[in-house]
Protein backbone atom coordinates (compact mmCIF):
# COMPACT_ATOMS: atom_id res chain seq x y z
CA MET A 1 -0.16 -0.14 0.11
CA LYS A 2 1.29 3.54 -0.79
CA LEU A 3 0.14 7.14 -0.66
CA SER A 4 -1.93 8.88 -2.99
CA VAL A 5 -5.58 11.05 -3.10
CA PRO A 6 -9.17 9.61 -3.45
CA GLY A 7 -12.57 10.83 -5.35
CA ARG A 8 -15.74 9.63 -4.20
CA LEU A 9 -18.38 7.35 -6.81
CA SER A 10 -21.35 5.29 -6.72
CA THR A 11 -23.14 2.54 -9.05
CA ALA A 12 -26.03 -0.04 -8.88
CA ALA A 13 -25.70 -3.92 -8.43
CA LEU A 14 -27.11 -6.80 -9.77
CA VAL A 15 -29.68 -9.09 -9.30
CA ALA A 16 -29.80 -12.44 -7.20
CA GLY A 17 -32.39 -15.13 -8.83
CA VAL A 18 -35.79 -15.39 -10.21
CA THR A 19 -38.63 -17.60 -9.92
CA VAL A 20 -40.90 -17.59 -12.78
CA VAL A 21 -44.41 -18.87 -12.16
CA ALA A 22 -46.87 -20.06 -15.13
CA THR A 23 -50.44 -21.02 -14.45
CA LEU A 24 -52.09 -22.69 -17.09
CA LEU A 25 -55.48 -23.48 -17.64
CA ALA A 26 -56.65 -26.58 -19.47
CA THR A 27 -60.06 -26.92 -20.80
CA GLY A 28 -61.72 -30.36 -21.42
CA PRO A 29 -63.53 -31.01 -24.53
CA MET A 30 -66.98 -30.48 -22.64
CA ALA A 31 -66.42 -27.68 -19.73
CA GLY A 32 -64.16 -26.55 -17.59
CA ALA A 33 -61.60 -28.90 -16.25
CA ALA A 34 -59.70 -27.78 -12.93
CA PRO A 35 -56.96 -25.46 -13.65
CA ALA A 36 -53.48 -27.03 -13.71
CA ARG A 37 -50.79 -24.88 -12.12
CA SER A 38 -46.72 -25.31 -13.04
CA SER A 39 -44.30 -24.10 -11.20
CA VAL A 40 -40.71 -23.48 -12.96
CA THR A 41 -37.83 -22.47 -10.91
CA ALA A 42 -34.92 -20.75 -12.79
CA PRO A 43 -31.31 -21.54 -10.98
CA LEU A 44 -29.72 -19.36 -9.05
CA PRO A 45 -26.28 -18.66 -9.63
CA ALA A 46 -23.44 -20.99 -7.94
CA ALA A 47 -22.49 -19.94 -4.58
CA ALA A 48 -18.53 -19.18 -4.33
CA PRO A 49 -16.48 -22.21 -3.54
CA ASP A 50 -14.62 -21.85 0.07
CA ILE A 51 -11.09 -20.80 -0.65
CA PRO A 52 -8.55 -23.16 0.73
CA VAL A 53 -6.51 -21.02 2.96
CA ALA A 54 -3.58 -23.68 2.46
CA ASN A 55 -3.50 -23.06 -1.37
CA VAL A 56 -3.13 -19.36 -0.54
CA GLN A 57 -0.07 -19.67 1.77
CA ALA A 58 1.46 -22.00 -0.46
CA HIS A 59 1.23 -19.06 -3.15
CA LEU A 60 2.61 -16.90 -0.48
CA SER A 61 5.67 -19.42 0.01
CA GLN A 62 6.74 -19.11 -3.01
CA LEU A 63 6.63 -15.48 -3.19
CA GLN A 64 8.82 -15.84 0.28
CA SER A 65 11.38 -18.40 -2.01
CA ILE A 66 11.28 -15.66 -4.96
CA ALA A 67 11.98 -12.91 -2.42
CA THR A 68 14.97 -14.52 -1.08
CA ALA A 69 16.61 -15.82 -4.24
CA ASN A 70 16.27 -12.16 -5.21
CA GLY A 71 18.06 -9.91 -3.15
CA GLY A 72 15.33 -10.09 -0.25
CA ASN A 73 12.63 -7.94 -2.09
CA ARG A 74 9.78 -8.44 -4.80
CA ALA A 75 10.05 -4.46 -6.07
CA HIS A 76 9.52 -2.51 -9.25
CA GLY A 77 12.05 -3.27 -11.49
CA ARG A 78 14.13 -5.78 -9.65
CA THR A 79 14.54 -9.33 -10.26
CA GLY A 80 11.99 -10.49 -8.02
CA TYR A 81 9.14 -8.65 -9.31
CA GLN A 82 9.83 -9.99 -12.62
CA ALA A 83 9.85 -13.83 -11.16
CA SER A 84 6.80 -13.05 -8.75
CA LEU A 85 5.01 -11.78 -12.23
CA ASN A 86 5.95 -15.42 -14.16
CA TYR A 87 4.96 -17.19 -11.11
CA VAL A 88 1.57 -15.94 -10.99
CA LYS A 89 1.33 -16.01 -15.33
CA GLY A 90 2.25 -19.47 -15.00
CA LYS A 91 -0.54 -20.14 -12.94
CA LEU A 92 -3.18 -18.37 -14.79
CA ASP A 93 -1.86 -19.85 -18.36
CA ALA A 94 -2.05 -23.28 -16.82
CA ALA A 95 -5.87 -22.99 -16.04
CA GLY A 96 -7.13 -21.26 -19.11
CA PHE A 97 -6.91 -17.84 -18.79
CA THR A 98 -5.98 -14.93 -21.67
CA THR A 99 -2.96 -13.07 -20.07
CA SER A 100 -1.15 -10.04 -21.43
CA VAL A 101 1.29 -8.07 -20.00
CA GLN A 102 1.43 -4.40 -20.08
CA GLN A 103 4.84 -2.70 -19.95
CA PHE A 104 5.76 0.85 -18.21
CA THR A 105 8.48 3.01 -17.25
CA SER A 106 9.03 4.37 -13.51
CA GLY A 107 11.99 5.52 -11.67
CA GLY A 108 14.24 4.65 -14.87
CA ARG A 109 13.08 0.87 -14.44
CA THR A 110 10.97 -1.08 -16.54
CA GLY A 111 7.70 -2.18 -14.89
CA TYR A 112 4.33 -4.67 -15.77
CA ASN A 113 1.13 -5.05 -15.00
CA LEU A 114 -0.63 -8.42 -15.55
CA ILE A 115 -3.68 -8.82 -16.92
CA ALA A 116 -6.13 -12.17 -17.15
CA ASP A 117 -9.57 -12.46 -18.73
CA TRP A 118 -11.74 -15.36 -18.00
CA PRO A 119 -13.22 -16.52 -21.66
CA GLY A 120 -16.65 -15.65 -21.43
CA GLY A 121 -19.30 -13.06 -19.91
CA ASP A 122 -20.69 -9.74 -21.54
CA LEU A 123 -17.08 -7.65 -22.30
CA ASN A 124 -19.62 -4.54 -22.08
CA GLN A 125 -19.88 -5.42 -18.53
CA VAL A 126 -16.76 -6.29 -16.73
CA VAL A 127 -16.23 -7.03 -12.96
CA MET A 128 -12.59 -6.94 -11.96
CA ALA A 129 -10.57 -7.73 -8.99
CA GLY A 130 -6.83 -6.76 -8.57
CA SER A 131 -3.93 -6.66 -6.03
CA HIS A 132 -0.40 -5.16 -6.33
CA LEU A 133 2.32 -7.53 -6.91
CA ASP A 134 5.32 -5.50 -5.87
CA SER A 135 6.60 -5.13 -2.54
CA VAL A 136 9.21 -2.00 -0.81
CA THR A 137 12.93 -2.72 -1.25
CA ALA A 138 12.93 -3.41 2.12
CA GLY A 139 11.38 -6.89 2.52
CA ALA A 140 9.51 -9.42 0.92
CA GLY A 141 6.12 -7.73 0.96
CA ILE A 142 4.51 -11.21 1.98
CA ASN A 143 1.51 -9.45 3.87
CA ASP A 144 1.68 -5.72 1.86
CA ASN A 145 0.84 -7.25 -1.00
CA GLY A 146 1.49 -11.13 -1.48
CA SER A 147 -1.86 -11.76 0.84
CA GLY A 148 -3.97 -9.89 -1.90
CA SER A 149 -2.32 -10.89 -4.69
CA ALA A 150 -2.26 -14.55 -3.24
CA ALA A 151 -6.11 -14.86 -2.89
CA VAL A 152 -6.87 -13.13 -6.08
CA LEU A 153 -4.58 -15.47 -7.73
CA GLU A 154 -6.49 -18.33 -5.87
CA THR A 155 -10.07 -16.92 -6.49
CA ALA A 156 -9.03 -16.81 -10.73
CA LEU A 157 -8.06 -20.30 -10.20
CA ALA A 158 -10.95 -21.19 -8.21
CA VAL A 159 -12.91 -19.92 -11.22
CA SER A 160 -11.36 -21.96 -13.51
CA ARG A 161 -11.49 -25.11 -11.21
CA ALA A 162 -15.40 -24.56 -11.45
CA GLN A 163 -15.80 -23.35 -14.84
CA LEU A 164 -17.75 -20.71 -14.01
CA GLN A 165 -19.93 -19.13 -16.52
CA PRO A 166 -20.81 -15.67 -15.23
CA THR A 167 -22.98 -12.99 -16.78
CA LYS A 168 -20.55 -10.45 -16.73
CA HIS A 169 -16.87 -10.81 -17.99
CA LEU A 170 -14.36 -11.72 -15.49
CA ARG A 171 -10.62 -9.76 -15.84
CA PHE A 172 -8.20 -10.24 -12.96
CA ALA A 173 -5.14 -7.65 -12.64
CA TRP A 174 -1.85 -7.73 -10.49
CA TRP A 175 -0.27 -4.65 -10.55
CA GLY A 176 3.16 -3.15 -10.80
CA ALA A 177 4.97 -0.37 -9.09
CA GLU A 178 1.74 0.38 -6.67
CA GLU A 179 4.55 1.07 -4.07
CA LEU A 180 5.71 4.46 -5.76
CA GLY A 181 2.27 5.75 -6.09
CA MET A 182 0.05 3.43 -8.05
CA VAL A 183 2.11 3.87 -11.37
CA GLY A 184 0.66 0.68 -12.70
CA SER A 185 -2.47 0.62 -11.81
CA ARG A 186 -2.87 4.66 -13.03
CA THR A 187 -0.86 3.52 -16.34
CA TYR A 188 -3.70 0.92 -17.09
CA VAL A 189 -6.50 2.84 -16.44
CA ASN A 190 -5.27 5.86 -18.54
CA SER A 191 -4.74 3.47 -21.57
CA LEU A 192 -8.34 2.80 -21.29
CA SER A 193 -10.65 4.42 -23.71
CA THR A 194 -13.57 6.44 -22.45
CA ALA A 195 -16.02 3.46 -23.98
CA ASN A 196 -13.65 0.35 -22.60
CA ARG A 197 -13.87 2.44 -18.84
CA ALA A 198 -17.31 2.35 -19.30
CA LYS A 199 -17.48 -1.13 -19.58
CA ILE A 200 -16.00 -1.89 -16.26
CA SER A 201 -19.09 -2.10 -13.99
CA GLY A 202 -16.87 -2.22 -10.89
CA TYR A 203 -13.37 -3.05 -9.81
CA LEU A 204 -12.25 -4.79 -6.19
CA ASN A 205 -9.31 -4.11 -4.46
CA PHE A 206 -7.49 -6.43 -2.28
CA ASP A 207 -4.42 -4.59 -0.55
CA MET A 208 -3.28 -5.85 3.10
CA ILE A 209 -5.87 -8.81 4.01
CA GLY A 210 -3.82 -11.11 6.34
CA SER A 211 -2.26 -8.77 8.78
CA PRO A 212 -0.84 -10.32 11.97
CA ASN A 213 -2.91 -7.99 14.35
CA PRO A 214 -5.94 -7.78 11.91
CA GLY A 215 -9.03 -5.31 11.78
CA TYR A 216 -12.02 -6.15 9.18
CA PHE A 217 -12.36 -2.95 6.92
CA VAL A 218 -14.90 -2.73 3.92
CA TYR A 219 -14.23 0.52 1.58
CA ASP A 220 -17.19 2.80 1.33
CA ASP A 221 -16.57 3.65 -2.16
CA ASP A 222 -19.84 2.24 -3.40
CA PRO A 223 -22.98 1.44 -1.50
CA ALA A 224 -23.82 -1.97 -3.64
CA ILE A 225 -20.54 -3.31 -3.78
CA GLU A 226 -19.89 -2.23 -0.08
CA LYS A 227 -23.34 -4.57 0.83
CA VAL A 228 -21.93 -7.31 -1.05
CA PHE A 229 -18.97 -7.40 1.54
CA LYS A 230 -20.88 -6.16 4.42
CA ASP A 231 -23.58 -8.77 4.06
CA TYR A 232 -21.39 -11.68 3.44
CA PHE A 233 -19.61 -10.64 7.20
CA ALA A 234 -22.41 -10.59 8.73
CA GLY A 235 -23.19 -13.61 7.26
CA ILE A 236 -20.16 -15.28 9.51
CA ASN A 237 -20.69 -12.76 12.47
CA ILE A 238 -17.81 -10.14 11.92
CA SER A 239 -18.60 -6.98 12.55
CA THR A 240 -16.71 -4.65 9.85
CA GLU A 241 -15.54 -0.99 9.84
CA ILE A 242 -15.45 1.09 6.88
CA GLU A 243 -12.13 1.68 5.18
CA THR A 244 -10.13 5.14 5.99
CA GLU A 245 -6.51 4.50 7.19
CA GLY A 246 -5.94 3.24 3.30
CA ASP A 247 -8.19 5.44 1.43
CA GLY A 248 -6.78 6.42 -2.11
CA ARG A 249 -3.05 4.83 -1.21
CA SER A 250 -3.92 1.79 -3.15
CA ASP A 251 -4.58 0.85 -6.68
CA HIS A 252 -8.56 1.57 -6.46
CA ALA A 253 -7.76 4.99 -6.51
CA PRO A 254 -7.03 5.63 -10.26
CA PHE A 255 -10.11 3.63 -11.07
CA LYS A 256 -12.47 5.50 -9.05
CA ASN A 257 -10.83 8.96 -10.03
CA ALA A 258 -11.84 7.75 -13.60
CA GLY A 259 -15.54 7.61 -12.50
CA ILE A 260 -15.76 3.20 -12.10
CA PRO A 261 -17.32 1.74 -9.73
CA VAL A 262 -14.72 0.46 -6.59
CA GLY A 263 -14.76 -1.80 -3.74
CA GLY A 264 -12.58 -3.97 -1.90
CA LEU A 265 -11.12 -5.45 1.95
CA PHE A 266 -8.27 -4.15 4.17
CA SER A 267 -6.79 -5.60 7.43
CA GLY A 268 -4.88 -2.49 8.36
CA ALA A 269 -1.39 -1.22 8.33
CA ASP A 270 0.27 0.78 10.85
CA TYR A 271 -2.51 2.60 12.81
CA LEU A 272 -2.77 1.26 16.42
CA LYS A 273 -6.00 -1.09 17.26
CA THR A 274 -8.15 0.73 19.90
CA SER A 275 -10.05 -1.22 22.61
CA ALA A 276 -13.08 -1.22 20.77
CA GLN A 277 -11.67 -2.52 18.07
CA ALA A 278 -9.57 -5.34 20.18
CA ALA A 279 -13.43 -6.38 22.10
CA LYS A 280 -15.23 -7.05 18.51
CA TRP A 281 -11.75 -8.44 16.80
CA GLY A 282 -9.43 -9.71 19.17
CA GLY A 283 -5.59 -9.18 19.20
CA THR A 284 -3.54 -6.82 20.56
CA VAL A 285 -4.92 -3.20 21.59
CA GLY A 286 -2.30 -0.66 21.04
CA GLN A 287 -0.24 -2.27 18.28
CA PRO A 288 -0.30 -2.07 15.05
CA PHE A 289 -2.75 -3.91 12.85
CA ASP A 290 0.83 -4.54 10.91
CA ARG A 291 4.06 -4.53 13.05
CA CYS A 292 5.99 -5.20 9.85
CA TYR A 293 4.45 -2.76 7.39
CA HIS A 294 7.32 -1.57 4.86
CA SER A 295 9.65 -3.72 6.69
CA SER A 296 12.13 -6.37 6.29
CA CYS A 297 9.94 -8.44 8.83
CA ASP A 298 7.25 -8.93 6.35
CA THR A 299 7.67 -12.38 5.86
CA THR A 300 5.24 -15.36 5.64
CA ALA A 301 5.26 -15.39 9.65
CA ASN A 302 3.51 -11.78 9.18
CA ILE A 303 0.29 -13.13 8.32
CA SER A 304 -2.83 -13.85 10.21
CA ALA A 305 -4.04 -17.15 8.67
CA THR A 306 -7.37 -16.66 10.19
CA ALA A 307 -7.55 -13.27 8.32
CA LEU A 308 -6.28 -14.41 5.33
CA ASP A 309 -9.43 -17.36 5.32
CA ARG A 310 -11.84 -14.92 6.16
CA ASN A 311 -10.83 -12.34 3.41
CA SER A 312 -10.23 -14.58 0.84
CA ASP A 313 -13.70 -16.54 1.28
CA ALA A 314 -14.95 -12.63 1.18
CA LEU A 315 -13.21 -11.92 -2.12
CA ALA A 316 -14.28 -15.23 -3.55
CA HIS A 317 -18.28 -14.09 -2.98
CA ALA A 318 -17.96 -10.82 -4.09
CA VAL A 319 -16.33 -12.31 -7.42
CA TRP A 320 -18.92 -14.81 -7.67
CA THR A 321 -21.89 -12.72 -6.73
CA LEU A 322 -21.31 -9.61 -8.88
CA SER A 323 -20.53 -11.36 -11.68
CA SER A 324 -23.97 -13.52 -11.97
């Protein structure tokens, strides 16, 4: 997660399912037989699968190994970032996604965005889910933002395993150079024509979702998207708060500033957990949500498996719901 500035937006939402009841009046050859009633129910969209947290953690272990083998980080313009992108792209290619790499330059170094499209769905209505794949130079960036990157990847792979046929078109993204000011996501949004921007019905951002002293924060930029996440957490008896710490500091900002509806999840960075927050979420009062934020200790040891699990499942729920 990095620093920038916001804007605000709202949109409408989607449909859950529909029941059609047909009443057939049958008449006999002589006079009125009793009317026959027939009820036909259209199938509801399939529920999102549980996202195995062990799979998400396995991706994090790979990102940690990549950082360790490449100078300790996965930062923009470094070999660790390129290796991270290659790892994610290889998984998506094998799962049947159509992937593309967008190149840009920032700070004298070459950066890359990875875009993955799932075949099918209405190309005039695109639901995107994304995260930044780069770390700071100080460390491996496993919570910031291996956590979001791994969860988005595993959700995409779950789409493939389910051979999902969404009504809307699904697109996943991994952004470069977020830590330099959302450079990659801004490059992508700026590269879109006005018509193609209008086709994106929602962008979902996942930046830091496994903080070791976690909170459960939901973006409030779009009421319909916000409701999908809040309803999910209410259904598992987890209280949420509106996300304010990272407002405008992550890759949703370029989308929001371009008039695209946005939403997302966040588990907290270097703000301190209050007593009220600890009362509803557990954890340590007066300590940061992530004490290793932008530090060398942001490794695989710096993850709450519980928060990662809950947020990954919420991510998948939103993808299934908003694309159906």
